[in-house]
Amino acid sequence: MNYFKHDTAIVDNGARIGEGSRVWHFAHVCAGAQIGAGVSLGQNVFVGNKVTIGDRCKIQNNVSVYDNVHLAEGVFCGPSMVFTNVYNPRSLIERKDQYRDTQVGKGATLGANCTIVCGVTIGEYAFIGAGAVINKDVPAYALMVGVPAKQIGWMSEFGEQLDLPIEGQAQVICPHTGAIYQLAGKQLQKI
C-alpha cells in the first residue's frame, strides 16, 4: 500500500488509490473507485464505484462523491458540498440506470455546502462559491454564486478574482503570477 489509510477508514478490495494519497477517519472508498496520486479524502468522505478522482484533489470532510462523478486534477471540494447523480430521485422508483455524468475540470474549486446537480460540466479553474447551487454547465474560470448560481465574474488559476466584465473583449494580467487572461465573448482563456 503506497498511500495512508486511517484505521477507521474502509477501502474496498479493487479500489485504485494513487501514491501519497491520504484516506482519513471514517471514509469509505468503494471497490470500483479510481483515485489519483496525492489526493486527500477528509473525514467521513464517501467515494462510489463509478468515480474517478484526478491527482492532487482535496475532498474535505463530509463529502459524498457518488457514481458518475469525475474530477480532473487538482479539484477542491469544500466541506459538506454535495454531488447528485439522479436528476429526479424517488425512493419508490429505481433509477440506477438514469445516472447522469458530472464532469469537474482541472483546478476547479467547489465551495463549502455548494450543490452540484448531476449532468453538468464545470470548466477548468471555475470557482463555485459557498452554498451555491449549480444546475447548468459552468465556463472555465467562471465565478459562480447564489441559488440558482449566476456568474458574477472570473477567477485566475491562482484563485483571485480578475477585473474583467462578464462578457466582451478584454485582457488582464494576474498580479500574483503575471499570467495574461484574454476574454473573447463569454469565454476566458489564459494566453
C-alpha atoms as a PDB file:
ATOM      1  CA  MET A   1       0.000   0.000   0.000  1.00  0.00           C
ATOM      2  CA  ASN A   2       1.597   3.256  -1.151  1.00  0.00           C
ATOM      3  CA  TYR A   3      -0.978   5.583   0.457  1.00  0.00           C
ATOM      4  CA  PHE A   4      -2.086   6.367   4.023  1.00  0.00           C
ATOM      5  CA  LYS A   5      -5.335   4.886   5.362  1.00  0.00           C
ATOM      6  CA  HIS A   6      -6.607   5.756   8.830  1.00  0.00           C
ATOM      7  CA  ASP A   7      -7.595   2.728  10.941  1.00  0.00           C
ATOM      8  CA  THR A   8     -11.291   3.726  10.855  1.00  0.00           C
ATOM      9  CA  ALA A   9     -11.393   4.143   7.056  1.00  0.00           C
ATOM     10  CA  ILE A  10     -12.772   1.429   4.757  1.00  0.00           C
ATOM     11  CA  VAL A  11     -11.191   0.826   1.348  1.00  0.00           C
ATOM     12  CA  ASP A  12     -12.950  -1.986  -0.523  1.00  0.00           C
ATOM     13  CA  ASN A  13     -10.829  -4.537  -2.416  1.00  0.00           C
ATOM     14  CA  GLY A  14     -10.342  -3.391  -6.004  1.00  0.00           C
ATOM     15  CA  ALA A  15     -10.234   0.353  -5.348  1.00  0.00           C
ATOM     16  CA  ARG A  16      -7.248   2.002  -7.003  1.00  0.00           C
ATOM     17  CA  ILE A  17      -5.614   4.725  -4.932  1.00  0.00           C
ATOM     18  CA  GLY A  18      -2.511   6.574  -6.101  1.00  0.00           C
ATOM     19  CA  GLU A  19       0.783   7.046  -4.333  1.00  0.00           C
ATOM     20  CA  GLY A  20       0.903   9.513  -1.464  1.00  0.00           C
ATOM     21  CA  SER A  21      -2.864   9.822  -1.125  1.00  0.00           C
ATOM     22  CA  ARG A  22      -4.471  10.039   2.320  1.00  0.00           C
ATOM     23  CA  VAL A  23      -7.769   8.462   3.401  1.00  0.00           C
ATOM     24  CA  TRP A  24      -8.852   9.901   6.741  1.00  0.00           C
ATOM     25  CA  HIS A  25     -11.242   8.964   9.582  1.00  0.00           C
ATOM     26  CA  PHE A  26     -14.453   7.105   8.720  1.00  0.00           C
ATOM     27  CA  ALA A  27     -14.003   7.492   4.941  1.00  0.00           C
ATOM     28  CA  HIS A  28     -15.333   4.752   2.643  1.00  0.00           C
ATOM     29  CA  VAL A  29     -13.888   4.095  -0.827  1.00  0.00           C
ATOM     30  CA  CYS A  30     -15.857   1.587  -2.938  1.00  0.00           C
ATOM     31  CA  ALA A  31     -14.213  -1.180  -4.975  1.00  0.00           C
ATOM     32  CA  GLY A  32     -14.530   0.448  -8.410  1.00  0.00           C
ATOM     33  CA  ALA A  33     -13.180   3.872  -7.457  1.00  0.00           C
ATOM     34  CA  GLN A  34     -10.118   5.235  -9.254  1.00  0.00           C
ATOM     35  CA  ILE A  35      -8.226   7.816  -7.222  1.00  0.00           C
ATOM     36  CA  GLY A  36      -5.048   9.555  -8.350  1.00  0.00           C
ATOM     37  CA  ALA A  37      -1.801  10.361  -6.540  1.00  0.00           C
ATOM     38  CA  GLY A  38      -1.511  12.919  -3.762  1.00  0.00           C
ATOM     39  CA  VAL A  39      -5.266  13.020  -3.081  1.00  0.00           C
ATOM     40  CA  SER A  40      -6.676  13.869   0.351  1.00  0.00           C
ATOM     41  CA  LEU A  41     -10.012  12.333   1.375  1.00  0.00           C
ATOM     42  CA  GLY A  42     -11.179  14.018   4.584  1.00  0.00           C
ATOM     43  CA  GLN A  43     -13.179  12.642   7.479  1.00  0.00           C
ATOM     44  CA  ASN A  44     -16.465  10.911   6.562  1.00  0.00           C
ATOM     45  CA  VAL A  45     -15.881  11.076   2.777  1.00  0.00           C
ATOM     46  CA  PHE A  46     -17.669   8.514   0.603  1.00  0.00           C
ATOM     47  CA  VAL A  47     -16.377   7.603  -2.890  1.00  0.00           C
ATOM     48  CA  GLY A  48     -18.627   5.477  -5.128  1.00  0.00           C
ATOM     49  CA  ASN A  49     -17.744   2.698  -7.561  1.00  0.00           C
ATOM     50  CA  LYS A  50     -18.036   4.619 -10.839  1.00  0.00           C
ATOM     51  CA  VAL A  51     -15.941   7.603  -9.752  1.00  0.00           C
ATOM     52  CA  THR A  52     -12.644   8.974 -10.990  1.00  0.00           C
ATOM     53  CA  ILE A  53     -10.643  11.463  -8.940  1.00  0.00           C
ATOM     54  CA  GLY A  54      -7.556  13.022 -10.513  1.00  0.00           C
ATOM     55  CA  ASP A  55      -4.165  13.647  -8.928  1.00  0.00           C
ATOM     56  CA  ARG A  56      -3.832  16.199  -6.116  1.00  0.00           C
ATOM     57  CA  CYS A  57      -7.555  16.655  -5.454  1.00  0.00           C
ATOM     58  CA  LYS A  58      -8.698  17.666  -1.975  1.00  0.00           C
ATOM     59  CA  ILE A  59     -12.041  16.327  -0.803  1.00  0.00           C
ATOM     60  CA  GLN A  60     -12.893  17.952   2.524  1.00  0.00           C
ATOM     61  CA  ASN A  61     -14.952  16.437   5.367  1.00  0.00           C
ATOM     62  CA  ASN A  62     -18.480  15.081   4.831  1.00  0.00           C
ATOM     63  CA  VAL A  63     -18.456  14.957   1.008  1.00  0.00           C
ATOM     64  CA  SER A  64     -20.024  12.060  -0.914  1.00  0.00           C
ATOM     65  CA  VAL A  65     -18.658  11.579  -4.423  1.00  0.00           C
ATOM     66  CA  TYR A  66     -21.376   9.444  -5.975  1.00  0.00           C
ATOM     67  CA  ASP A  67     -21.274   7.229  -9.087  1.00  0.00           C
ATOM     68  CA  ASN A  68     -20.750   9.007 -12.417  1.00  0.00           C
ATOM     69  CA  VAL A  69     -18.860  11.960 -10.880  1.00  0.00           C
ATOM     70  CA  HIS A  70     -15.466  12.601 -12.467  1.00  0.00           C
ATOM     71  CA  LEU A  71     -12.972  15.060 -11.002  1.00  0.00           C
ATOM     72  CA  ALA A  72      -9.937  16.167 -13.030  1.00  0.00           C
ATOM     73  CA  GLU A  73      -6.574  17.000 -11.470  1.00  0.00           C
ATOM     74  CA  GLY A  74      -6.435  19.475  -8.606  1.00  0.00           C
ATOM     75  CA  VAL A  75     -10.158  19.834  -7.862  1.00  0.00           C
ATOM     76  CA  PHE A  76     -11.029  21.217  -4.404  1.00  0.00           C
ATOM     77  CA  CYS A  77     -14.294  20.026  -2.838  1.00  0.00           C
ATOM     78  CA  GLY A  78     -15.163  22.157   0.201  1.00  0.00           C
ATOM     79  CA  PRO A  79     -16.623  20.784   3.436  1.00  0.00           C
ATOM     80  CA  SER A  80     -20.097  19.261   3.154  1.00  0.00           C
ATOM     81  CA  MET A  81     -20.569  20.154  -0.522  1.00  0.00           C
ATOM     82  CA  VAL A  82     -22.985  17.869  -2.384  1.00  0.00           C
ATOM     83  CA  PHE A  83     -22.962  15.937  -5.656  1.00  0.00           C
ATOM     84  CA  THR A  84     -26.072  14.235  -7.037  1.00  0.00           C
ATOM     85  CA  ASN A  85     -26.320  11.559  -9.720  1.00  0.00           C
ATOM     86  CA  VAL A  86     -30.059  11.197 -10.372  1.00  0.00           C
ATOM     87  CA  TYR A  87     -31.950  14.263 -11.588  1.00  0.00           C
ATOM     88  CA  ASN A  88     -35.386  13.326 -10.240  1.00  0.00           C
ATOM     89  CA  PRO A  89     -34.905  10.781  -7.412  1.00  0.00           C
ATOM     90  CA  ARG A  90     -37.743   8.915  -5.727  1.00  0.00           C
ATOM     91  CA  SER A  91     -37.316   6.258  -3.054  1.00  0.00           C
ATOM     92  CA  LEU A  92     -40.081   4.161  -4.616  1.00  0.00           C
ATOM     93  CA  ILE A  93     -38.697   4.311  -8.182  1.00  0.00           C
ATOM     94  CA  GLU A  94     -35.451   2.532  -9.159  1.00  0.00           C
ATOM     95  CA  ARG A  95     -33.350   4.915 -11.294  1.00  0.00           C
ATOM     96  CA  LYS A  96     -29.810   3.491 -11.149  1.00  0.00           C
ATOM     97  CA  ASP A  97     -29.879   3.234 -14.946  1.00  0.00           C
ATOM     98  CA  GLN A  98     -30.516   7.000 -15.167  1.00  0.00           C
ATOM     99  CA  TYR A  99     -27.353   8.297 -13.501  1.00  0.00           C
ATOM    100  CA  ARG A 100     -26.083  11.446 -15.217  1.00  0.00           C
ATOM    101  CA  ASP A 101     -22.374  12.159 -15.633  1.00  0.00           C
ATOM    102  CA  THR A 102     -20.893  15.146 -13.851  1.00  0.00           C
ATOM    103  CA  GLN A 103     -17.504  16.418 -15.043  1.00  0.00           C
ATOM    104  CA  VAL A 104     -15.391  18.834 -12.995  1.00  0.00           C
ATOM    105  CA  GLY A 105     -12.425  20.380 -14.796  1.00  0.00           C
ATOM    106  CA  LYS A 106      -8.830  20.752 -13.684  1.00  0.00           C
ATOM    107  CA  GLY A 107      -8.208  23.093 -10.762  1.00  0.00           C
ATOM    108  CA  ALA A 108     -11.874  23.915 -10.109  1.00  0.00           C
ATOM    109  CA  THR A 109     -12.993  24.924  -6.607  1.00  0.00           C
ATOM    110  CA  LEU A 110     -16.362  23.775  -5.245  1.00  0.00           C
ATOM    111  CA  GLY A 111     -17.062  25.845  -2.124  1.00  0.00           C
ATOM    112  CA  ALA A 112     -18.389  24.619   1.213  1.00  0.00           C
ATOM    113  CA  ASN A 113     -22.028  23.474   1.174  1.00  0.00           C
ATOM    114  CA  CYS A 114     -22.498  24.069  -2.553  1.00  0.00           C
ATOM    115  CA  THR A 115     -24.668  21.618  -4.513  1.00  0.00           C
ATOM    116  CA  ILE A 116     -23.780  20.284  -7.955  1.00  0.00           C
ATOM    117  CA  VAL A 117     -26.878  18.944  -9.716  1.00  0.00           C
ATOM    118  CA  CYS A 118     -25.967  15.926 -11.856  1.00  0.00           C
ATOM    119  CA  GLY A 119     -25.345  16.122 -15.576  1.00  0.00           C
ATOM    120  CA  VAL A 120     -23.316  19.337 -15.634  1.00  0.00           C
ATOM    121  CA  THR A 121     -19.788  20.127 -16.745  1.00  0.00           C
ATOM    122  CA  ILE A 122     -17.775  22.571 -14.667  1.00  0.00           C
ATOM    123  CA  GLY A 123     -14.922  24.135 -16.614  1.00  0.00           C
ATOM    124  CA  GLU A 124     -11.303  24.192 -15.511  1.00  0.00           C
ATOM    125  CA  TYR A 125     -10.404  26.624 -12.740  1.00  0.00           C
ATOM    126  CA  ALA A 126     -14.055  27.617 -12.242  1.00  0.00           C
ATOM    127  CA  PHE A 127     -14.865  28.797  -8.721  1.00  0.00           C
ATOM    128  CA  ILE A 128     -18.197  27.837  -7.146  1.00  0.00           C
ATOM    129  CA  GLY A 129     -18.993  29.971  -4.096  1.00  0.00           C
ATOM    130  CA  ALA A 130     -20.069  28.523  -0.745  1.00  0.00           C
ATOM    131  CA  GLY A 131     -23.723  27.471  -0.721  1.00  0.00           C
ATOM    132  CA  ALA A 132     -24.250  27.948  -4.482  1.00  0.00           C
ATOM    133  CA  VAL A 133     -26.474  25.564  -6.456  1.00  0.00           C
ATOM    134  CA  ILE A 134     -25.116  24.617  -9.891  1.00  0.00           C
ATOM    135  CA  ASN A 135     -27.812  23.340 -12.267  1.00  0.00           C
ATOM    136  CA  LYS A 136     -26.196  24.141 -15.644  1.00  0.00           C
ATOM    137  CA  ASP A 137     -22.757  23.997 -17.250  1.00  0.00           C
ATOM    138  CA  VAL A 138     -20.128  26.426 -15.937  1.00  0.00           C
ATOM    139  CA  PRO A 139     -17.482  28.003 -18.202  1.00  0.00           C
ATOM    140  CA  ALA A 140     -13.784  27.704 -17.428  1.00  0.00           C
ATOM    141  CA  TYR A 141     -12.579  30.331 -14.914  1.00  0.00           C
ATOM    142  CA  ALA A 142     -16.161  31.463 -14.087  1.00  0.00           C
ATOM    143  CA  LEU A 143     -17.025  32.711 -10.590  1.00  0.00           C
ATOM    144  CA  MET A 144     -20.489  31.414  -9.663  1.00  0.00           C
ATOM    145  CA  VAL A 145     -22.596  32.320  -6.609  1.00  0.00           C
ATOM    146  CA  GLY A 146     -26.212  32.089  -5.459  1.00  0.00           C
ATOM    147  CA  VAL A 147     -29.267  29.853  -5.734  1.00  0.00           C
ATOM    148  CA  PRO A 148     -29.526  29.055  -8.551  1.00  0.00           C
ATOM    149  CA  ALA A 149     -25.943  30.092  -9.272  1.00  0.00           C
ATOM    150  CA  LYS A 150     -25.214  33.021 -11.530  1.00  0.00           C
ATOM    151  CA  GLN A 151     -21.863  34.112 -12.900  1.00  0.00           C
ATOM    152  CA  ILE A 152     -20.583  37.293 -11.228  1.00  0.00           C
ATOM    153  CA  GLY A 153     -17.025  37.340 -12.543  1.00  0.00           C
ATOM    154  CA  TRP A 154     -13.884  35.447 -13.490  1.00  0.00           C
ATOM    155  CA  MET A 155     -11.155  33.806 -11.401  1.00  0.00           C
ATOM    156  CA  SER A 156      -7.472  33.301 -12.115  1.00  0.00           C
ATOM    157  CA  GLU A 157      -5.719  29.949 -11.762  1.00  0.00           C
ATOM    158  CA  PHE A 158      -4.161  31.471  -8.623  1.00  0.00           C
ATOM    159  CA  GLY A 159      -7.667  31.768  -7.112  1.00  0.00           C
ATOM    160  CA  GLU A 160      -8.144  35.542  -7.214  1.00  0.00           C
ATOM    161  CA  GLN A 161     -10.986  37.423  -8.894  1.00  0.00           C
ATOM    162  CA  LEU A 162      -9.954  39.092 -12.148  1.00  0.00           C
ATOM    163  CA  ASP A 163     -11.047  42.632 -13.010  1.00  0.00           C
ATOM    164  CA  LEU A 164     -12.948  41.721 -16.173  1.00  0.00           C
ATOM    165  CA  PRO A 165     -16.549  42.131 -17.383  1.00  0.00           C
ATOM    166  CA  ILE A 166     -18.749  39.013 -17.614  1.00  0.00           C
ATOM    167  CA  GLU A 167     -18.595  39.191 -21.422  1.00  0.00           C
ATOM    168  CA  GLY A 168     -16.974  41.263 -24.132  1.00  0.00           C
ATOM    169  CA  GLN A 169     -13.416  41.809 -25.267  1.00  0.00           C
ATOM    170  CA  ALA A 170     -10.757  42.423 -22.634  1.00  0.00           C
ATOM    171  CA  GLN A 171      -7.387  41.335 -21.336  1.00  0.00           C
ATOM    172  CA  VAL A 172      -5.886  41.390 -17.835  1.00  0.00           C
ATOM    173  CA  ILE A 173      -2.624  40.373 -16.163  1.00  0.00           C
ATOM    174  CA  CYS A 174      -2.785  38.402 -12.900  1.00  0.00           C
ATOM    175  CA  PRO A 175      -0.861  40.475 -10.337  1.00  0.00           C
ATOM    176  CA  HIS A 176       0.266  37.336  -8.482  1.00  0.00           C
ATOM    177  CA  THR A 177       1.625  35.250 -11.340  1.00  0.00           C
ATOM    178  CA  GLY A 178       1.972  37.577 -14.324  1.00  0.00           C
ATOM    179  CA  ALA A 179      -0.276  35.287 -16.390  1.00  0.00           C
ATOM    180  CA  ILE A 180      -2.311  37.009 -19.109  1.00  0.00           C
ATOM    181  CA  TYR A 181      -6.039  36.233 -19.421  1.00  0.00           C
ATOM    182  CA  GLN A 182      -7.984  37.046 -22.600  1.00  0.00           C
ATOM    183  CA  LEU A 183     -11.786  37.430 -22.665  1.00  0.00           C
ATOM    184  CA  ALA A 184     -13.497  36.848 -26.003  1.00  0.00           C
ATOM    185  CA  GLY A 185     -17.283  36.985 -25.769  1.00  0.00           C
ATOM    186  CA  LYS A 186     -18.246  34.693 -22.902  1.00  0.00           C
ATOM    187  CA  GLN A 187     -15.040  32.622 -22.907  1.00  0.00           C
ATOM    188  CA  LEU A 188     -11.915  33.318 -20.873  1.00  0.00           C
ATOM    189  CA  GLN A 189      -8.561  31.705 -21.549  1.00  0.00           C
ATOM    190  CA  LYS A 190      -5.041  32.053 -20.275  1.00  0.00           C
ATOM    191  CA  ILE A 191      -2.650  33.011 -23.060  1.00  0.00           C
END
